[in-house]
Amino acid sequence: MMFTIRLATRMEFVHPDDVARAIGNAITCDEVWGNTYLVGGGKDCQILFRDFFNGIMNTVGIGLLPDSAFGNAPFYTDWQDTEES
């Protein structure tokens, strides 16, 4: 599947402890009930699939693959706008 994803796909990571903290804080905050908020890692946790994948390939000693090895299928990740949350 990873070879079908477009290299320009934006990805954002978040630590499970941060998600747990957000949920814990939301439980005691009446203003959040009935709303949907996004939780993400922020600018330091945002990366393009190209950079993420190339980092892995370089780490294991394979190196960069040509762009033609990848597809153009959309993927369900993106950078999160967490300003409100």
PDB file of N, CA and C in Angstrom:
ATOM      1  N   MET A   1       0.820  -1.197   0.000  1.00  0.00           N
ATOM      2  CA  MET A   1       0.000   0.000   0.000  1.00  0.00           C
ATOM      3  C   MET A   1       0.867   1.266   0.000  1.00  0.00           C
ATOM      4  N   MET A   2       2.010   1.218   0.677  1.00  0.00           N
ATOM      5  CA  MET A   2       2.811   2.439   0.787  1.00  0.00           C
ATOM      6  C   MET A   2       3.319   2.932  -0.561  1.00  0.00           C
ATOM      7  N   PHE A   3       3.355   2.085  -1.553  1.00  0.00           N
ATOM      8  CA  PHE A   3       3.814   2.517  -2.871  1.00  0.00           C
ATOM      9  C   PHE A   3       2.684   3.091  -3.725  1.00  0.00           C
ATOM     10  N   THR A   4       1.466   3.104  -3.195  1.00  0.00           N
ATOM     11  CA  THR A   4       0.351   3.728  -3.915  1.00  0.00           C
ATOM     12  C   THR A   4       0.118   5.169  -3.460  1.00  0.00           C
ATOM     13  N   ILE A   5       0.692   5.543  -2.327  1.00  0.00           N
ATOM     14  CA  ILE A   5       0.462   6.863  -1.732  1.00  0.00           C
ATOM     15  C   ILE A   5       1.298   7.916  -2.453  1.00  0.00           C
ATOM     16  N   ARG A   6       0.710   9.076  -2.686  1.00  0.00           N
ATOM     17  CA  ARG A   6       1.476  10.169  -3.305  1.00  0.00           C
ATOM     18  C   ARG A   6       2.511  10.698  -2.315  1.00  0.00           C
ATOM     19  N   LEU A   7       3.666  11.033  -2.838  1.00  0.00           N
ATOM     20  CA  LEU A   7       4.775  11.474  -2.000  1.00  0.00           C
ATOM     21  C   LEU A   7       4.512  12.802  -1.309  1.00  0.00           C
ATOM     22  N   ALA A   8       3.606  13.611  -1.849  1.00  0.00           N
ATOM     23  CA  ALA A   8       3.298  14.919  -1.266  1.00  0.00           C
ATOM     24  C   ALA A   8       2.254  14.839  -0.152  1.00  0.00           C
ATOM     25  N   THR A   9       1.863  13.628   0.244  1.00  0.00           N
ATOM     26  CA  THR A   9       0.873  13.460   1.309  1.00  0.00           C
ATOM     27  C   THR A   9       1.417  14.025   2.616  1.00  0.00           C
ATOM     28  N   ARG A  10       0.599  14.851   3.249  1.00  0.00           N
ATOM     29  CA  ARG A  10       0.997  15.451   4.525  1.00  0.00           C
ATOM     30  C   ARG A  10       0.581  14.521   5.665  1.00  0.00           C
ATOM     31  N   MET A  11       1.495  14.330   6.611  1.00  0.00           N
ATOM     32  CA  MET A  11       1.258  13.455   7.755  1.00  0.00           C
ATOM     33  C   MET A  11       1.580  14.223   9.031  1.00  0.00           C
ATOM     34  N   GLU A  12       0.843  13.913  10.082  1.00  0.00           N
ATOM     35  CA  GLU A  12       1.133  14.520  11.385  1.00  0.00           C
ATOM     36  C   GLU A  12       1.031  13.449  12.457  1.00  0.00           C
ATOM     37  N   PHE A  13       2.019  13.430  13.306  1.00  0.00           N
ATOM     38  CA  PHE A  13       2.061  12.450  14.383  1.00  0.00           C
ATOM     39  C   PHE A  13       1.699  13.121  15.704  1.00  0.00           C
ATOM     40  N   VAL A  14       1.194  12.319  16.618  1.00  0.00           N
ATOM     41  CA  VAL A  14       0.884  12.800  17.957  1.00  0.00           C
ATOM     42  C   VAL A  14       1.187  11.666  18.935  1.00  0.00           C
ATOM     43  N   HIS A  15       1.765  12.016  20.064  1.00  0.00           N
ATOM     44  CA  HIS A  15       2.121  11.012  21.062  1.00  0.00           C
ATOM     45  C   HIS A  15       0.857  10.559  21.803  1.00  0.00           C
ATOM     46  N   PRO A  16       0.726   9.262  22.079  1.00  0.00           N
ATOM     47  CA  PRO A  16      -0.449   8.763  22.799  1.00  0.00           C
ATOM     48  C   PRO A  16      -0.668   9.445  24.152  1.00  0.00           C
ATOM     49  N   ASP A  17       0.409   9.827  24.833  1.00  0.00           N
ATOM     50  CA  ASP A  17       0.263  10.523  26.111  1.00  0.00           C
ATOM     51  C   ASP A  17      -0.435  11.869  25.924  1.00  0.00           C
ATOM     52  N   ASP A  18      -0.146  12.546  24.816  1.00  0.00           N
ATOM     53  CA  ASP A  18      -0.790  13.833  24.543  1.00  0.00           C
ATOM     54  C   ASP A  18      -2.273  13.653  24.230  1.00  0.00           C
ATOM     55  N   VAL A  19      -2.610  12.583  23.531  1.00  0.00           N
ATOM     56  CA  VAL A  19      -4.018  12.293  23.252  1.00  0.00           C
ATOM     57  C   VAL A  19      -4.746  11.981  24.559  1.00  0.00           C
ATOM     58  N   ALA A  20      -4.135  11.178  25.404  1.00  0.00           N
ATOM     59  CA  ALA A  20      -4.747  10.838  26.691  1.00  0.00           C
ATOM     60  C   ALA A  20      -4.947  12.090  27.540  1.00  0.00           C
ATOM     61  N   ARG A  21      -3.967  12.990  27.527  1.00  0.00           N
ATOM     62  CA  ARG A  21      -4.080  14.239  28.292  1.00  0.00           C
ATOM     63  C   ARG A  21      -5.226  15.093  27.753  1.00  0.00           C
ATOM     64  N   ALA A  22      -5.363  15.166  26.437  1.00  0.00           N
ATOM     65  CA  ALA A  22      -6.446  15.949  25.832  1.00  0.00           C
ATOM     66  C   ALA A  22      -7.805  15.377  26.213  1.00  0.00           C
ATOM     67  N   ILE A  23      -7.932  14.068  26.187  1.00  0.00           N
ATOM     68  CA  ILE A  23      -9.200  13.435  26.573  1.00  0.00           C
ATOM     69  C   ILE A  23      -9.482  13.668  28.047  1.00  0.00           C
ATOM     70  N   GLY A  24      -8.463  13.501  28.877  1.00  0.00           N
ATOM     71  CA  GLY A  24      -8.634  13.739  30.312  1.00  0.00           C
ATOM     72  C   GLY A  24      -9.063  15.164  30.602  1.00  0.00           C
ATOM     73  N   ASN A  25      -8.471  16.137  29.925  1.00  0.00           N
ATOM     74  CA  ASN A  25      -8.850  17.538  30.115  1.00  0.00           C
ATOM     75  C   ASN A  25     -10.259  17.800  29.611  1.00  0.00           C
ATOM     76  N   ALA A  26     -10.638  17.155  28.514  1.00  0.00           N
ATOM     77  CA  ALA A  26     -11.967  17.380  27.933  1.00  0.00           C
ATOM     78  C   ALA A  26     -13.081  16.854  28.833  1.00  0.00           C
ATOM     79  N   ILE A  27     -12.808  15.791  29.551  1.00  0.00           N
ATOM     80  CA  ILE A  27     -13.832  15.195  30.417  1.00  0.00           C
ATOM     81  C   ILE A  27     -14.322  16.191  31.457  1.00  0.00           C
ATOM     82  N   THR A  28     -13.459  17.051  31.918  1.00  0.00           N
ATOM     83  CA  THR A  28     -13.827  17.996  32.973  1.00  0.00           C
ATOM     84  C   THR A  28     -14.137  19.392  32.443  1.00  0.00           C
ATOM     85  N   CYS A  29     -14.304  19.533  31.129  1.00  0.00           N
ATOM     86  CA  CYS A  29     -14.545  20.841  30.517  1.00  0.00           C
ATOM     87  C   CYS A  29     -15.911  20.836  29.832  1.00  0.00           C
ATOM     88  N   ASP A  30     -16.889  21.473  30.443  1.00  0.00           N
ATOM     89  CA  ASP A  30     -18.248  21.473  29.910  1.00  0.00           C
ATOM     90  C   ASP A  30     -18.343  22.086  28.518  1.00  0.00           C
ATOM     91  N   GLU A  31     -17.441  23.032  28.190  1.00  0.00           N
ATOM     92  CA  GLU A  31     -17.520  23.736  26.904  1.00  0.00           C
ATOM     93  C   GLU A  31     -17.245  22.836  25.708  1.00  0.00           C
ATOM     94  N   VAL A  32     -16.598  21.700  25.900  1.00  0.00           N
ATOM     95  CA  VAL A  32     -16.236  20.860  24.759  1.00  0.00           C
ATOM     96  C   VAL A  32     -17.343  19.888  24.348  1.00  0.00           C
ATOM     97  N   TRP A  33     -18.282  19.604  25.248  1.00  0.00           N
ATOM     98  CA  TRP A  33     -19.309  18.612  24.959  1.00  0.00           C
ATOM     99  C   TRP A  33     -20.148  19.044  23.766  1.00  0.00           C
ATOM    100  N   GLY A  34     -20.360  18.110  22.837  1.00  0.00           N
ATOM    101  CA  GLY A  34     -21.136  18.374  21.633  1.00  0.00           C
ATOM    102  C   GLY A  34     -20.305  18.941  20.494  1.00  0.00           C
ATOM    103  N   ASN A  35     -19.013  19.130  20.709  1.00  0.00           N
ATOM    104  CA  ASN A  35     -18.118  19.661  19.679  1.00  0.00           C
ATOM    105  C   ASN A  35     -17.112  18.595  19.267  1.00  0.00           C
ATOM    106  N   THR A  36     -16.497  18.804  18.133  1.00  0.00           N
ATOM    107  CA  THR A  36     -15.433  17.922  17.659  1.00  0.00           C
ATOM    108  C   THR A  36     -14.155  18.732  17.558  1.00  0.00           C
ATOM    109  N   TYR A  37     -13.098  18.251  18.172  1.00  0.00           N
ATOM    110  CA  TYR A  37     -11.812  18.929  18.155  1.00  0.00           C
ATOM    111  C   TYR A  37     -10.742  17.999  17.606  1.00  0.00           C
ATOM    112  N   LEU A  38      -9.795  18.559  16.910  1.00  0.00           N
ATOM    113  CA  LEU A  38      -8.681  17.791  16.381  1.00  0.00           C
ATOM    114  C   LEU A  38      -7.501  17.857  17.349  1.00  0.00           C
ATOM    115  N   VAL A  39      -6.805  16.745  17.481  1.00  0.00           N
ATOM    116  CA  VAL A  39      -5.624  16.688  18.327  1.00  0.00           C
ATOM    117  C   VAL A  39      -4.464  16.243  17.451  1.00  0.00           C
ATOM    118  N   GLY A  40      -3.400  17.012  17.447  1.00  0.00           N
ATOM    119  CA  GLY A  40      -2.228  16.677  16.645  1.00  0.00           C
ATOM    120  C   GLY A  40      -0.963  17.061  17.392  1.00  0.00           C
ATOM    121  N   GLY A  41       0.149  16.728  16.806  1.00  0.00           N
ATOM    122  CA  GLY A  41       1.434  16.997  17.435  1.00  0.00           C
ATOM    123  C   GLY A  41       1.982  18.385  17.188  1.00  0.00           C
ATOM    124  N   GLY A  42       1.372  19.127  16.265  1.00  0.00           N
ATOM    125  CA  GLY A  42       1.841  20.470  15.967  1.00  0.00           C
ATOM    126  C   GLY A  42       2.922  20.494  14.890  1.00  0.00           C
ATOM    127  N   LYS A  43       3.418  21.684  14.618  1.00  0.00           N
ATOM    128  CA  LYS A  43       4.353  21.883  13.504  1.00  0.00           C
ATOM    129  C   LYS A  43       5.598  20.993  13.585  1.00  0.00           C
ATOM    130  N   ASP A  44       6.074  20.704  14.781  1.00  0.00           N
ATOM    131  CA  ASP A  44       7.261  19.855  14.916  1.00  0.00           C
ATOM    132  C   ASP A  44       6.980  18.395  14.590  1.00  0.00           C
ATOM    133  N   CYS A  45       5.712  18.036  14.455  1.00  0.00           N
ATOM    134  CA  CYS A  45       5.327  16.650  14.179  1.00  0.00           C
ATOM    135  C   CYS A  45       4.703  16.501  12.795  1.00  0.00           C
ATOM    136  N   GLN A  46       4.847  17.495  11.951  1.00  0.00           N
ATOM    137  CA  GLN A  46       4.295  17.462  10.593  1.00  0.00           C
ATOM    138  C   GLN A  46       5.411  17.137   9.606  1.00  0.00           C
ATOM    139  N   ILE A  47       5.108  16.241   8.676  1.00  0.00           N
ATOM    140  CA  ILE A  47       6.108  15.783   7.712  1.00  0.00           C
ATOM    141  C   ILE A  47       5.400  15.350   6.436  1.00  0.00           C
ATOM    142  N   LEU A  48       6.087  15.420   5.333  1.00  0.00           N
ATOM    143  CA  LEU A  48       5.565  14.874   4.086  1.00  0.00           C
ATOM    144  C   LEU A  48       5.922  13.391   4.016  1.00  0.00           C
ATOM    145  N   PHE A  49       5.063  12.610   3.367  1.00  0.00           N
ATOM    146  CA  PHE A  49       5.315  11.175   3.225  1.00  0.00           C
ATOM    147  C   PHE A  49       6.675  10.933   2.569  1.00  0.00           C
ATOM    148  N   ARG A  50       7.032  11.759   1.592  1.00  0.00           N
ATOM    149  CA  ARG A  50       8.322  11.629   0.908  1.00  0.00           C
ATOM    150  C   ARG A  50       9.472  11.662   1.930  1.00  0.00           C
ATOM    151  N   ASP A  51       9.461  12.612   2.825  1.00  0.00           N
ATOM    152  CA  ASP A  51      10.535  12.751   3.805  1.00  0.00           C
ATOM    153  C   ASP A  51      10.510  11.628   4.838  1.00  0.00           C
ATOM    154  N   PHE A  52       9.309  11.247   5.246  1.00  0.00           N
ATOM    155  CA  PHE A  52       9.150  10.154   6.200  1.00  0.00           C
ATOM    156  C   PHE A  52       9.686   8.844   5.617  1.00  0.00           C
ATOM    157  N   PHE A  53       9.230   8.518   4.411  1.00  0.00           N
ATOM    158  CA  PHE A  53       9.623   7.261   3.777  1.00  0.00           C
ATOM    159  C   PHE A  53      11.113   7.251   3.452  1.00  0.00           C
ATOM    160  N   ASN A  54      11.620   8.352   2.926  1.00  0.00           N
ATOM    161  CA  ASN A  54      13.048   8.417   2.598  1.00  0.00           C
ATOM    162  C   ASN A  54      13.901   8.291   3.851  1.00  0.00           C
ATOM    163  N   GLY A  55      13.448   8.843   4.974  1.00  0.00           N
ATOM    164  CA  GLY A  55      14.174   8.686   6.226  1.00  0.00           C
ATOM    165  C   GLY A  55      14.285   7.232   6.641  1.00  0.00           C
ATOM    166  N   ILE A  56      13.198   6.500   6.483  1.00  0.00           N
ATOM    167  CA  ILE A  56      13.205   5.067   6.815  1.00  0.00           C
ATOM    168  C   ILE A  56      14.147   4.318   5.881  1.00  0.00           C
ATOM    169  N   MET A  57      14.036   4.580   4.585  1.00  0.00           N
ATOM    170  CA  MET A  57      14.853   3.861   3.606  1.00  0.00           C
ATOM    171  C   MET A  57      16.347   4.158   3.796  1.00  0.00           C
ATOM    172  N   ASN A  58      16.681   5.382   4.117  1.00  0.00           N
ATOM    173  CA  ASN A  58      18.083   5.716   4.376  1.00  0.00           C
ATOM    174  C   ASN A  58      18.580   5.051   5.653  1.00  0.00           C
ATOM    175  N   THR A  59      17.729   4.983   6.676  1.00  0.00           N
ATOM    176  CA  THR A  59      18.106   4.375   7.950  1.00  0.00           C
ATOM    177  C   THR A  59      18.425   2.894   7.799  1.00  0.00           C
ATOM    178  N   VAL A  60      17.662   2.196   6.972  1.00  0.00           N
ATOM    179  CA  VAL A  60      17.900   0.759   6.793  1.00  0.00           C
ATOM    180  C   VAL A  60      18.934   0.474   5.702  1.00  0.00           C
ATOM    181  N   GLY A  61      19.497   1.541   5.108  1.00  0.00           N
ATOM    182  CA  GLY A  61      20.580   1.369   4.149  1.00  0.00           C
ATOM    183  C   GLY A  61      20.177   1.145   2.710  1.00  0.00           C
ATOM    184  N   ILE A  62      18.903   1.308   2.397  1.00  0.00           N
ATOM    185  CA  ILE A  62      18.445   1.102   1.022  1.00  0.00           C
ATOM    186  C   ILE A  62      18.612   2.367   0.199  1.00  0.00           C
ATOM    187  N   GLY A  63      18.336   3.498   0.797  1.00  0.00           N
ATOM    188  CA  GLY A  63      18.460   4.768   0.093  1.00  0.00           C
ATOM    189  C   GLY A  63      17.176   5.186  -0.588  1.00  0.00           C
ATOM    190  N   LEU A  64      17.266   6.287  -1.295  1.00  0.00           N
ATOM    191  CA  LEU A  64      16.099   6.876  -1.947  1.00  0.00           C
ATOM    192  C   LEU A  64      15.619   6.026  -3.110  1.00  0.00           C
ATOM    193  N   LEU A  65      14.317   5.967  -3.261  1.00  0.00           N
ATOM    194  CA  LEU A  65      13.713   5.301  -4.414  1.00  0.00           C
ATOM    195  C   LEU A  65      13.235   6.374  -5.385  1.00  0.00           C
ATOM    196  N   PRO A  66      13.133   6.050  -6.661  1.00  0.00           N
ATOM    197  CA  PRO A  66      12.659   7.053  -7.616  1.00  0.00           C
ATOM    198  C   PRO A  66      11.184   7.382  -7.390  1.00  0.00           C
ATOM    199  N   ASP A  67      10.807   8.612  -7.709  1.00  0.00           N
ATOM    200  CA  ASP A  67       9.404   9.030  -7.575  1.00  0.00           C
ATOM    201  C   ASP A  67       8.466   8.098  -8.325  1.00  0.00           C
ATOM    202  N   SER A  68       8.950   7.526  -9.429  1.00  0.00           N
ATOM    203  CA  SER A  68       8.108   6.646 -10.244  1.00  0.00           C
ATOM    204  C   SER A  68       7.718   5.361  -9.515  1.00  0.00           C
ATOM    205  N   ALA A  69       8.358   5.071  -8.393  1.00  0.00           N
ATOM    206  CA  ALA A  69       8.019   3.877  -7.612  1.00  0.00           C
ATOM    207  C   ALA A  69       6.728   4.070  -6.824  1.00  0.00           C
ATOM    208  N   PHE A  70       6.229   5.305  -6.776  1.00  0.00           N
ATOM    209  CA  PHE A  70       5.067   5.623  -5.944  1.00  0.00           C
ATOM    210  C   PHE A  70       3.888   6.021  -6.804  1.00  0.00           C
ATOM    211  N   GLY A  71       2.697   5.859  -6.243  1.00  0.00           N
ATOM    212  CA  GLY A  71       1.470   6.188  -6.955  1.00  0.00           C
ATOM    213  C   GLY A  71       1.009   7.596  -6.649  1.00  0.00           C
ATOM    214  N   ASN A  72      -0.257   7.811  -6.925  1.00  0.00           N
ATOM    215  CA  ASN A  72      -0.860   9.124  -6.724  1.00  0.00           C
ATOM    216  C   ASN A  72      -2.180   9.020  -5.967  1.00  0.00           C
ATOM    217  N   ALA A  73      -2.349   7.930  -5.229  1.00  0.00           N
ATOM    218  CA  ALA A  73      -3.601   7.716  -4.505  1.00  0.00           C
ATOM    219  C   ALA A  73      -3.661   8.620  -3.273  1.00  0.00           C
ATOM    220  N   PRO A  74      -4.835   9.159  -2.986  1.00  0.00           N
ATOM    221  CA  PRO A  74      -4.973   9.951  -1.754  1.00  0.00           C
ATOM    222  C   PRO A  74      -4.871   9.037  -0.535  1.00  0.00           C
ATOM    223  N   PHE A  75      -4.502   9.622   0.574  1.00  0.00           N
ATOM    224  CA  PHE A  75      -4.399   8.871   1.823  1.00  0.00           C
ATOM    225  C   PHE A  75      -5.090   9.691   2.901  1.00  0.00           C
ATOM    226  N   TYR A  76      -5.525   9.078   3.939  1.00  0.00           N
ATOM    227  CA  TYR A  76      -6.407   9.709   4.930  1.00  0.00           C
ATOM    228  C   TYR A  76      -5.683  10.522   5.997  1.00  0.00           C
ATOM    229  N   THR A  77      -4.485  10.987   5.728  1.00  0.00           N
ATOM    230  CA  THR A  77      -3.776  11.810   6.699  1.00  0.00           C
ATOM    231  C   THR A  77      -3.671  13.244   6.207  1.00  0.00           C
ATOM    232  N   ASP A  78      -3.440  14.157   7.110  1.00  0.00           N
ATOM    233  CA  ASP A  78      -3.196  15.557   6.776  1.00  0.00           C
ATOM    234  C   ASP A  78      -2.687  16.246   8.036  1.00  0.00           C
ATOM    235  N   TRP A  79      -2.269  17.476   7.883  1.00  0.00           N
ATOM    236  CA  TRP A  79      -1.875  18.269   9.035  1.00  0.00           C
ATOM    237  C   TRP A  79      -3.135  18.785   9.708  1.00  0.00           C
ATOM    238  N   GLN A  80      -3.127  18.826  11.013  1.00  0.00           N
ATOM    239  CA  GLN A  80      -4.308  19.195  11.796  1.00  0.00           C
ATOM    240  C   GLN A  80      -4.300  20.669  12.175  1.00  0.00           C
ATOM    241  N   ASP A  81      -5.466  21.286  12.091  1.00  0.00           N
ATOM    242  CA  ASP A  81      -5.638  22.639  12.605  1.00  0.00           C
ATOM    243  C   ASP A  81      -6.157  22.491  14.026  1.00  0.00           C
ATOM    244  N   THR A  82      -5.274  22.639  14.994  1.00  0.00           N
ATOM    245  CA  THR A  82      -5.627  22.404  16.396  1.00  0.00           C
ATOM    246  C   THR A  82      -5.744  23.691  17.199  1.00  0.00           C
ATOM    247  N   GLU A  83      -5.842  24.824  16.512  1.00  0.00           N
ATOM    248  CA  GLU A  83      -5.877  26.095  17.218  1.00  0.00           C
ATOM    249  C   GLU A  83      -7.025  26.148  18.226  1.00  0.00           C
ATOM    250  N   GLU A  84      -8.212  25.718  17.834  1.00  0.00           N
ATOM    251  CA  GLU A  84      -9.361  25.783  18.731  1.00  0.00           C
ATOM    252  C   GLU A  84      -9.250  24.760  19.871  1.00  0.00           C
ATOM    253  N   SER A  85      -8.745  23.580  19.560  1.00  0.00           N
ATOM    254  CA  SER A  85      -8.663  22.557  20.614  1.00  0.00           C
ATOM    255  C   SER A  85      -7.538  22.847  21.577  1.00  0.00           C
TER     256      SER A  85
END
